Amino acid sequence: MIDKTTIIEDGASIAEDAVIGPFCFIGRDTVIASGVNIASNVIIKGKTTLEENTKIFSFATIGNESSTIRIGKNTHVREFVQIGTQESDNKQSIEISHDNFIMAYVQIMNGVKIANNCVLTNAVRLYENVKCEERVIIGGLSTVEENNRIGTGVMIGGASYVNHDIPPFCLVEGNRSSIKGLNIIGLRRRLENPDDIEEIKAAYKKLLSHGVDKETAKTLEQESQNGYVKLFAGFIKESNL
């Protein structure tokens, strides 16, 4: 169902069961899949693809005339969110994977990549080329500066300013942000084997408790038999910390 007040340019591809509310604008290069629900006063431009069962809430703005954006299935984009709206020399696409929750007033710049099952709470800003791995949670009013990578399972506290990579499974907060420890609650929810958590704790102490030790990280990545420890050490080895 498409409201009669919505403007749809010729060329847009819209599934028959998609719902589009009043006073929207849908650009000619937009692709809207089955089960998508778009509320009122939404603007979508550029080569934007909304995958199955995505929900876009009122007053969100997605894309500009030259942008390429993909928003994965079951993702919710709440009110007043801006995704790729800024004209920029950076023409890299924005990739948002499935089952993400993007809350009100979030701003996402060109080149951002967000893996699945992430939560960006109110008024978060991700600058150009930020990479978020899966299961990241970012607290409200936080900013992540350009070209930084946020590892899997990271939790960033509210009103934080992040200007460096954040290793997997870490808890971060502050302006400017610093690593406060491991996101133990997140690890307990995610990992069934408590031995995995203990090995991650031991790796954290070796690699981050007294500054960043990239040489030890390189060795640990090569020698550890635990996949989570390998992931953790490999991230630190390649990071900008």
C-alpha atoms as a PDB file:
ATOM      1  CA  MET A   1       0.000   0.000   0.000  1.00  0.00           C
ATOM      2  CA  ILE A   2       1.385   3.370  -1.041  1.00  0.00           C
ATOM      3  CA  ASP A   3      -0.205   6.593   0.167  1.00  0.00           C
ATOM      4  CA  LYS A   4      -1.434   8.831  -2.631  1.00  0.00           C
ATOM      5  CA  THR A   5       0.517  11.846  -1.305  1.00  0.00           C
ATOM      6  CA  THR A   6       3.879  10.094  -1.705  1.00  0.00           C
ATOM      7  CA  ILE A   7       6.060  10.969  -4.710  1.00  0.00           C
ATOM      8  CA  ILE A   8       7.737   8.047  -6.453  1.00  0.00           C
ATOM      9  CA  GLU A   9      10.095   8.721  -9.357  1.00  0.00           C
ATOM     10  CA  ASP A  10       9.985   6.547 -12.449  1.00  0.00           C
ATOM     11  CA  GLY A  11      12.439   3.651 -12.166  1.00  0.00           C
ATOM     12  CA  ALA A  12      11.967   2.856  -8.487  1.00  0.00           C
ATOM     13  CA  SER A  13      11.435  -0.846  -7.767  1.00  0.00           C
ATOM     14  CA  ILE A  14       8.885  -1.491  -5.021  1.00  0.00           C
ATOM     15  CA  ALA A  15       7.546  -4.862  -3.856  1.00  0.00           C
ATOM     16  CA  GLU A  16       3.776  -5.255  -4.049  1.00  0.00           C
ATOM     17  CA  ASP A  17       3.349  -5.729  -0.304  1.00  0.00           C
ATOM     18  CA  ALA A  18       5.558  -2.798   0.746  1.00  0.00           C
ATOM     19  CA  VAL A  19       3.864  -0.092   2.810  1.00  0.00           C
ATOM     20  CA  ILE A  20       4.776   3.572   2.240  1.00  0.00           C
ATOM     21  CA  GLY A  21       3.086   6.277   4.298  1.00  0.00           C
ATOM     22  CA  PRO A  22       2.112   9.836   3.391  1.00  0.00           C
ATOM     23  CA  PHE A  23       4.339  12.661   2.188  1.00  0.00           C
ATOM     24  CA  CYS A  24       7.363  10.513   1.324  1.00  0.00           C
ATOM     25  CA  PHE A  25       9.777  10.894  -1.592  1.00  0.00           C
ATOM     26  CA  ILE A  26      11.207   7.750  -3.213  1.00  0.00           C
ATOM     27  CA  GLY A  27      13.996   8.276  -5.763  1.00  0.00           C
ATOM     28  CA  ARG A  28      14.273   6.551  -9.135  1.00  0.00           C
ATOM     29  CA  ASP A  29      17.132   4.223  -8.140  1.00  0.00           C
ATOM     30  CA  THR A  30      15.535   2.943  -4.945  1.00  0.00           C
ATOM     31  CA  VAL A  31      14.846  -0.783  -4.491  1.00  0.00           C
ATOM     32  CA  ILE A  32      12.300  -1.704  -1.810  1.00  0.00           C
ATOM     33  CA  ALA A  33      11.889  -5.398  -0.981  1.00  0.00           C
ATOM     34  CA  SER A  34       8.965  -7.389   0.347  1.00  0.00           C
ATOM     35  CA  GLY A  35       7.671  -6.553   3.817  1.00  0.00           C
ATOM     36  CA  VAL A  36       9.302  -3.115   4.007  1.00  0.00           C
ATOM     37  CA  ASN A  37       7.342  -0.540   5.974  1.00  0.00           C
ATOM     38  CA  ILE A  38       8.093   3.165   5.503  1.00  0.00           C
ATOM     39  CA  ALA A  39       6.302   5.692   7.721  1.00  0.00           C
ATOM     40  CA  SER A  40       5.396   9.275   6.826  1.00  0.00           C
ATOM     41  CA  ASN A  41       7.694  12.075   5.645  1.00  0.00           C
ATOM     42  CA  VAL A  42      10.640   9.840   4.693  1.00  0.00           C
ATOM     43  CA  ILE A  43      13.066  10.862   1.918  1.00  0.00           C
ATOM     44  CA  ILE A  44      15.050   8.204   0.050  1.00  0.00           C
ATOM     45  CA  LYS A  45      17.491   9.105  -2.730  1.00  0.00           C
ATOM     46  CA  GLY A  46      20.401   7.590  -4.640  1.00  0.00           C
ATOM     47  CA  LYS A  47      21.012   3.890  -5.208  1.00  0.00           C
ATOM     48  CA  THR A  48      19.363   2.771  -1.998  1.00  0.00           C
ATOM     49  CA  THR A  49      18.261  -0.821  -1.352  1.00  0.00           C
ATOM     50  CA  LEU A  50      15.972  -1.714   1.539  1.00  0.00           C
ATOM     51  CA  GLU A  51      15.937  -5.463   2.134  1.00  0.00           C
ATOM     52  CA  GLU A  52      13.076  -7.576   3.457  1.00  0.00           C
ATOM     53  CA  ASN A  53      11.071  -6.427   6.489  1.00  0.00           C
ATOM     54  CA  THR A  54      13.099  -3.265   7.054  1.00  0.00           C
ATOM     55  CA  LYS A  55      11.212  -0.503   8.863  1.00  0.00           C
ATOM     56  CA  ILE A  56      11.924   3.189   8.292  1.00  0.00           C
ATOM     57  CA  PHE A  57      10.241   5.579  10.724  1.00  0.00           C
ATOM     58  CA  SER A  58       9.021   9.129  10.179  1.00  0.00           C
ATOM     59  CA  PHE A  59      11.290  11.962   9.054  1.00  0.00           C
ATOM     60  CA  ALA A  60      14.278   9.736   8.299  1.00  0.00           C
ATOM     61  CA  THR A  61      16.401  10.802   5.326  1.00  0.00           C
ATOM     62  CA  ILE A  62      18.444   8.236   3.417  1.00  0.00           C
ATOM     63  CA  GLY A  63      20.908   8.941   0.631  1.00  0.00           C
ATOM     64  CA  ASN A  64      21.771  11.725  -1.770  1.00  0.00           C
ATOM     65  CA  GLU A  65      21.839  11.839  -5.551  1.00  0.00           C
ATOM     66  CA  SER A  66      25.227  10.074  -5.815  1.00  0.00           C
ATOM     67  CA  SER A  67      25.099   7.669  -2.840  1.00  0.00           C
ATOM     68  CA  THR A  68      24.957   3.873  -2.756  1.00  0.00           C
ATOM     69  CA  ILE A  69      23.344   2.420   0.359  1.00  0.00           C
ATOM     70  CA  ARG A  70      22.156  -1.037   1.400  1.00  0.00           C
ATOM     71  CA  ILE A  71      20.100  -1.591   4.551  1.00  0.00           C
ATOM     72  CA  GLY A  72      19.748  -5.247   5.513  1.00  0.00           C
ATOM     73  CA  LYS A  73      16.646  -7.200   6.386  1.00  0.00           C
ATOM     74  CA  ASN A  74      14.803  -6.720   9.696  1.00  0.00           C
ATOM     75  CA  THR A  75      16.660  -3.476  10.424  1.00  0.00           C
ATOM     76  CA  HIS A  76      14.771  -0.649  12.136  1.00  0.00           C
ATOM     77  CA  VAL A  77      15.697   2.967  11.354  1.00  0.00           C
ATOM     78  CA  ARG A  78      13.980   5.297  13.786  1.00  0.00           C
ATOM     79  CA  GLU A  79      12.833   8.910  13.545  1.00  0.00           C
ATOM     80  CA  PHE A  80      15.015  11.712  12.137  1.00  0.00           C
ATOM     81  CA  VAL A  81      17.922   9.415  11.258  1.00  0.00           C
ATOM     82  CA  GLN A  82      20.230  10.633   8.478  1.00  0.00           C
ATOM     83  CA  ILE A  83      22.126   8.039   6.449  1.00  0.00           C
ATOM     84  CA  GLY A  84      24.487   9.137   3.701  1.00  0.00           C
ATOM     85  CA  THR A  85      22.785  12.478   3.174  1.00  0.00           C
ATOM     86  CA  GLN A  86      25.977  14.556   2.986  1.00  0.00           C
ATOM     87  CA  GLU A  87      27.535  15.257  -0.402  1.00  0.00           C
ATOM     88  CA  SER A  88      31.200  14.225  -0.158  1.00  0.00           C
ATOM     89  CA  ASP A  89      34.261  13.359  -2.223  1.00  0.00           C
ATOM     90  CA  ASN A  90      34.053   9.980  -0.486  1.00  0.00           C
ATOM     91  CA  LYS A  91      31.908   7.886  -2.834  1.00  0.00           C
ATOM     92  CA  GLN A  92      32.218   4.634  -0.896  1.00  0.00           C
ATOM     93  CA  SER A  93      28.948   2.842  -0.280  1.00  0.00           C
ATOM     94  CA  ILE A  94      27.219   2.509   3.077  1.00  0.00           C
ATOM     95  CA  GLU A  95      26.550  -1.102   4.076  1.00  0.00           C
ATOM     96  CA  ILE A  96      24.220  -1.834   6.988  1.00  0.00           C
ATOM     97  CA  SER A  97      23.680  -5.553   7.566  1.00  0.00           C
ATOM     98  CA  HIS A  98      20.639  -7.328   8.982  1.00  0.00           C
ATOM     99  CA  ASP A  99      18.833  -7.110  12.339  1.00  0.00           C
ATOM    100  CA  ASN A 100      20.205  -3.732  13.372  1.00  0.00           C
ATOM    101  CA  PHE A 101      18.438  -1.115  15.494  1.00  0.00           C
ATOM    102  CA  ILE A 102      19.276   2.491  14.630  1.00  0.00           C
ATOM    103  CA  MET A 103      17.585   4.872  17.035  1.00  0.00           C
ATOM    104  CA  ALA A 104      16.444   8.473  16.620  1.00  0.00           C
ATOM    105  CA  TYR A 105      18.702  11.274  15.358  1.00  0.00           C
ATOM    106  CA  VAL A 106      21.594   8.978  14.425  1.00  0.00           C
ATOM    107  CA  GLN A 107      23.874  10.264  11.634  1.00  0.00           C
ATOM    108  CA  ILE A 108      25.802   7.845   9.428  1.00  0.00           C
ATOM    109  CA  MET A 109      28.337   9.159   6.916  1.00  0.00           C
ATOM    110  CA  ASN A 110      29.643   7.740   3.627  1.00  0.00           C
ATOM    111  CA  GLY A 111      31.744   4.586   3.672  1.00  0.00           C
ATOM    112  CA  VAL A 112      30.370   3.312   6.984  1.00  0.00           C
ATOM    113  CA  LYS A 113      29.998  -0.465   7.312  1.00  0.00           C
ATOM    114  CA  ILE A 114      27.814  -1.941  10.067  1.00  0.00           C
ATOM    115  CA  ALA A 115      27.609  -5.698  10.590  1.00  0.00           C
ATOM    116  CA  ASN A 116      24.553  -7.500  11.976  1.00  0.00           C
ATOM    117  CA  ASN A 117      22.839  -7.180  15.368  1.00  0.00           C
ATOM    118  CA  CYS A 118      24.203  -3.752  16.286  1.00  0.00           C
ATOM    119  CA  VAL A 119      22.395  -1.091  18.320  1.00  0.00           C
ATOM    120  CA  LEU A 120      23.076   2.619  17.760  1.00  0.00           C
ATOM    121  CA  THR A 121      21.172   4.570  20.386  1.00  0.00           C
ATOM    122  CA  ASN A 122      19.898   8.134  20.156  1.00  0.00           C
ATOM    123  CA  ALA A 123      22.007  10.822  18.477  1.00  0.00           C
ATOM    124  CA  VAL A 124      25.045   8.635  17.732  1.00  0.00           C
ATOM    125  CA  ARG A 125      27.266   9.933  14.922  1.00  0.00           C
ATOM    126  CA  LEU A 126      29.510   7.701  12.788  1.00  0.00           C
ATOM    127  CA  TYR A 127      31.920   9.602  10.578  1.00  0.00           C
ATOM    128  CA  GLU A 128      33.280   8.412   7.229  1.00  0.00           C
ATOM    129  CA  ASN A 129      34.647   4.879   6.828  1.00  0.00           C
ATOM    130  CA  VAL A 130      33.838   3.719  10.360  1.00  0.00           C
ATOM    131  CA  LYS A 131      33.559  -0.076  10.547  1.00  0.00           C
ATOM    132  CA  CYS A 132      31.371  -1.731  13.196  1.00  0.00           C
ATOM    133  CA  GLU A 133      31.620  -5.488  13.535  1.00  0.00           C
ATOM    134  CA  GLU A 134      28.648  -7.539  14.744  1.00  0.00           C
ATOM    135  CA  ARG A 135      26.888  -7.078  18.110  1.00  0.00           C
ATOM    136  CA  VAL A 136      28.232  -3.595  18.816  1.00  0.00           C
ATOM    137  CA  ILE A 137      26.236  -1.330  21.144  1.00  0.00           C
ATOM    138  CA  ILE A 138      26.903   2.418  21.083  1.00  0.00           C
ATOM    139  CA  GLY A 139      25.440   4.627  23.802  1.00  0.00           C
ATOM    140  CA  GLY A 140      23.523   7.819  23.091  1.00  0.00           C
ATOM    141  CA  LEU A 141      25.236  11.065  22.047  1.00  0.00           C
ATOM    142  CA  SER A 142      28.474   9.217  21.214  1.00  0.00           C
ATOM    143  CA  THR A 143      30.692  10.037  18.234  1.00  0.00           C
ATOM    144  CA  VAL A 144      33.091   7.723  16.385  1.00  0.00           C
ATOM    145  CA  GLU A 145      35.632   9.597  14.273  1.00  0.00           C
ATOM    146  CA  GLU A 146      36.457   8.608  10.703  1.00  0.00           C
ATOM    147  CA  ASN A 147      38.529   5.569   9.675  1.00  0.00           C
ATOM    148  CA  ASN A 148      38.143   3.735  12.984  1.00  0.00           C
ATOM    149  CA  ARG A 149      37.093   0.136  13.538  1.00  0.00           C
ATOM    150  CA  ILE A 150      34.872  -1.127  16.341  1.00  0.00           C
ATOM    151  CA  GLY A 151      35.348  -4.818  17.121  1.00  0.00           C
ATOM    152  CA  THR A 152      32.675  -7.410  17.694  1.00  0.00           C
ATOM    153  CA  GLY A 153      30.860  -7.346  21.034  1.00  0.00           C
ATOM    154  CA  VAL A 154      32.065  -3.859  21.981  1.00  0.00           C
ATOM    155  CA  MET A 155      29.918  -1.659  24.211  1.00  0.00           C
ATOM    156  CA  ILE A 156      30.532   2.106  24.075  1.00  0.00           C
ATOM    157  CA  GLY A 157      29.117   4.179  26.923  1.00  0.00           C
ATOM    158  CA  GLY A 158      26.912   7.209  26.356  1.00  0.00           C
ATOM    159  CA  ALA A 159      28.393  10.587  25.384  1.00  0.00           C
ATOM    160  CA  SER A 160      31.739   9.031  24.439  1.00  0.00           C
ATOM    161  CA  TYR A 161      34.128  10.399  21.840  1.00  0.00           C
ATOM    162  CA  VAL A 162      35.988   7.592  20.062  1.00  0.00           C
ATOM    163  CA  ASN A 163      39.049   8.455  17.976  1.00  0.00           C
ATOM    164  CA  HIS A 164      40.792   5.079  17.771  1.00  0.00           C
ATOM    165  CA  ASP A 165      40.053   1.412  17.063  1.00  0.00           C
ATOM    166  CA  ILE A 166      38.287  -0.547  19.801  1.00  0.00           C
ATOM    167  CA  PRO A 167      39.254  -4.254  20.153  1.00  0.00           C
ATOM    168  CA  PRO A 168      36.564  -6.942  20.331  1.00  0.00           C
ATOM    169  CA  PHE A 169      34.642  -7.607  23.558  1.00  0.00           C
ATOM    170  CA  CYS A 170      35.762  -4.348  25.227  1.00  0.00           C
ATOM    171  CA  LEU A 171      33.886  -1.797  27.303  1.00  0.00           C
ATOM    172  CA  VAL A 172      34.680   1.811  26.393  1.00  0.00           C
ATOM    173  CA  GLU A 173      33.618   5.223  27.653  1.00  0.00           C
ATOM    174  CA  GLY A 174      34.728   8.804  28.055  1.00  0.00           C
ATOM    175  CA  ASN A 175      35.546  11.968  26.183  1.00  0.00           C
ATOM    176  CA  ARG A 176      38.065  11.146  24.962  1.00  0.00           C
ATOM    177  CA  SER A 177      37.267   7.478  25.226  1.00  0.00           C
ATOM    178  CA  SER A 178      39.419   4.859  26.880  1.00  0.00           C
ATOM    179  CA  ILE A 179      39.091   1.106  27.290  1.00  0.00           C
ATOM    180  CA  LYS A 180      37.740   0.332  30.759  1.00  0.00           C
ATOM    181  CA  GLY A 181      37.866  -3.447  30.576  1.00  0.00           C
ATOM    182  CA  LEU A 182      35.997  -6.303  28.970  1.00  0.00           C
ATOM    183  CA  ASN A 183      32.261  -6.329  28.301  1.00  0.00           C
ATOM    184  CA  ILE A 184      31.802  -9.298  30.631  1.00  0.00           C
ATOM    185  CA  ILE A 185      27.999  -9.220  30.631  1.00  0.00           C
ATOM    186  CA  GLY A 186      28.005  -9.278  26.831  1.00  0.00           C
ATOM    187  CA  LEU A 187      30.456 -12.177  26.809  1.00  0.00           C
ATOM    188  CA  ARG A 188      28.338 -14.191  29.256  1.00  0.00           C
ATOM    189  CA  ARG A 189      25.266 -13.674  27.084  1.00  0.00           C
ATOM    190  CA  ARG A 190      27.116 -14.631  23.933  1.00  0.00           C
ATOM    191  CA  LEU A 191      29.445 -17.484  24.910  1.00  0.00           C
ATOM    192  CA  GLU A 192      28.229 -20.758  26.385  1.00  0.00           C
ATOM    193  CA  ASN A 193      31.668 -22.009  27.440  1.00  0.00           C
ATOM    194  CA  PRO A 194      33.010 -20.138  30.520  1.00  0.00           C
ATOM    195  CA  ASP A 195      36.531 -21.295  29.621  1.00  0.00           C
ATOM    196  CA  ASP A 196      36.378 -19.093  26.519  1.00  0.00           C
ATOM    197  CA  ILE A 197      35.666 -16.075  28.712  1.00  0.00           C
ATOM    198  CA  GLU A 198      38.568 -16.901  31.020  1.00  0.00           C
ATOM    199  CA  GLU A 199      40.937 -17.189  28.057  1.00  0.00           C
ATOM    200  CA  ILE A 200      39.753 -13.826  26.702  1.00  0.00           C
ATOM    201  CA  LYS A 201      40.345 -12.304  30.160  1.00  0.00           C
ATOM    202  CA  ALA A 202      43.886 -13.683  30.202  1.00  0.00           C
ATOM    203  CA  ALA A 203      44.549 -12.324  26.723  1.00  0.00           C
ATOM    204  CA  TYR A 204      43.245  -8.908  27.751  1.00  0.00           C
ATOM    205  CA  LYS A 205      45.644  -8.795  30.709  1.00  0.00           C
ATOM    206  CA  LYS A 206      48.587  -9.712  28.481  1.00  0.00           C
ATOM    207  CA  LEU A 207      47.789  -7.290  25.670  1.00  0.00           C
ATOM    208  CA  LEU A 208      46.064  -4.250  27.183  1.00  0.00           C
ATOM    209  CA  SER A 209      46.426  -4.073  30.967  1.00  0.00           C
ATOM    210  CA  HIS A 210      49.788  -2.247  30.788  1.00  0.00           C
ATOM    211  CA  GLY A 211      49.455  -0.460  27.466  1.00  0.00           C
ATOM    212  CA  VAL A 212      49.114  -1.993  24.017  1.00  0.00           C
ATOM    213  CA  ASP A 213      51.501  -4.869  23.343  1.00  0.00           C
ATOM    214  CA  LYS A 214      51.363  -5.574  19.605  1.00  0.00           C
ATOM    215  CA  GLU A 215      54.350  -7.920  19.575  1.00  0.00           C
ATOM    216  CA  THR A 216      52.729 -10.197  22.120  1.00  0.00           C
ATOM    217  CA  ALA A 217      49.469  -9.902  20.177  1.00  0.00           C
ATOM    218  CA  LYS A 218      51.226 -11.203  17.071  1.00  0.00           C
ATOM    219  CA  THR A 219      52.609 -14.176  18.987  1.00  0.00           C
ATOM    220  CA  LEU A 220      49.317 -14.917  20.712  1.00  0.00           C
ATOM    221  CA  GLU A 221      47.414 -14.854  17.419  1.00  0.00           C
ATOM    222  CA  GLN A 222      49.798 -17.459  16.016  1.00  0.00           C
ATOM    223  CA  GLU A 223      49.978 -19.737  19.061  1.00  0.00           C
ATOM    224  CA  SER A 224      46.539 -19.674  20.686  1.00  0.00           C
ATOM    225  CA  GLN A 225      44.147 -22.524  19.989  1.00  0.00           C
ATOM    226  CA  ASN A 226      41.129 -20.447  21.006  1.00  0.00           C
ATOM    227  CA  GLY A 227      39.322 -18.780  18.099  1.00  0.00           C
ATOM    228  CA  TYR A 228      38.101 -15.849  20.201  1.00  0.00           C
ATOM    229  CA  VAL A 229      41.603 -15.148  21.489  1.00  0.00           C
ATOM    230  CA  LYS A 230      42.952 -15.304  17.940  1.00  0.00           C
ATOM    231  CA  LEU A 231      40.313 -12.794  16.880  1.00  0.00           C
ATOM    232  CA  PHE A 232      41.116 -10.497  19.803  1.00  0.00           C
ATOM    233  CA  ALA A 233      44.895 -10.643  19.331  1.00  0.00           C
ATOM    234  CA  GLY A 234      44.709 -10.291  15.549  1.00  0.00           C
ATOM    235  CA  PHE A 235      42.558  -7.175  15.871  1.00  0.00           C
ATOM    236  CA  ILE A 236      45.005  -5.554  18.279  1.00  0.00           C
ATOM    237  CA  LYS A 237      47.956  -6.441  16.048  1.00  0.00           C
ATOM    238  CA  GLU A 238      46.362  -4.628  13.089  1.00  0.00           C
ATOM    239  CA  SER A 239      44.775  -1.759  15.035  1.00  0.00           C
ATOM    240  CA  ASN A 240      45.708   1.931  15.197  1.00  0.00           C
ATOM    241  CA  LEU A 241      46.044   1.765  19.011  1.00  0.00           C
END
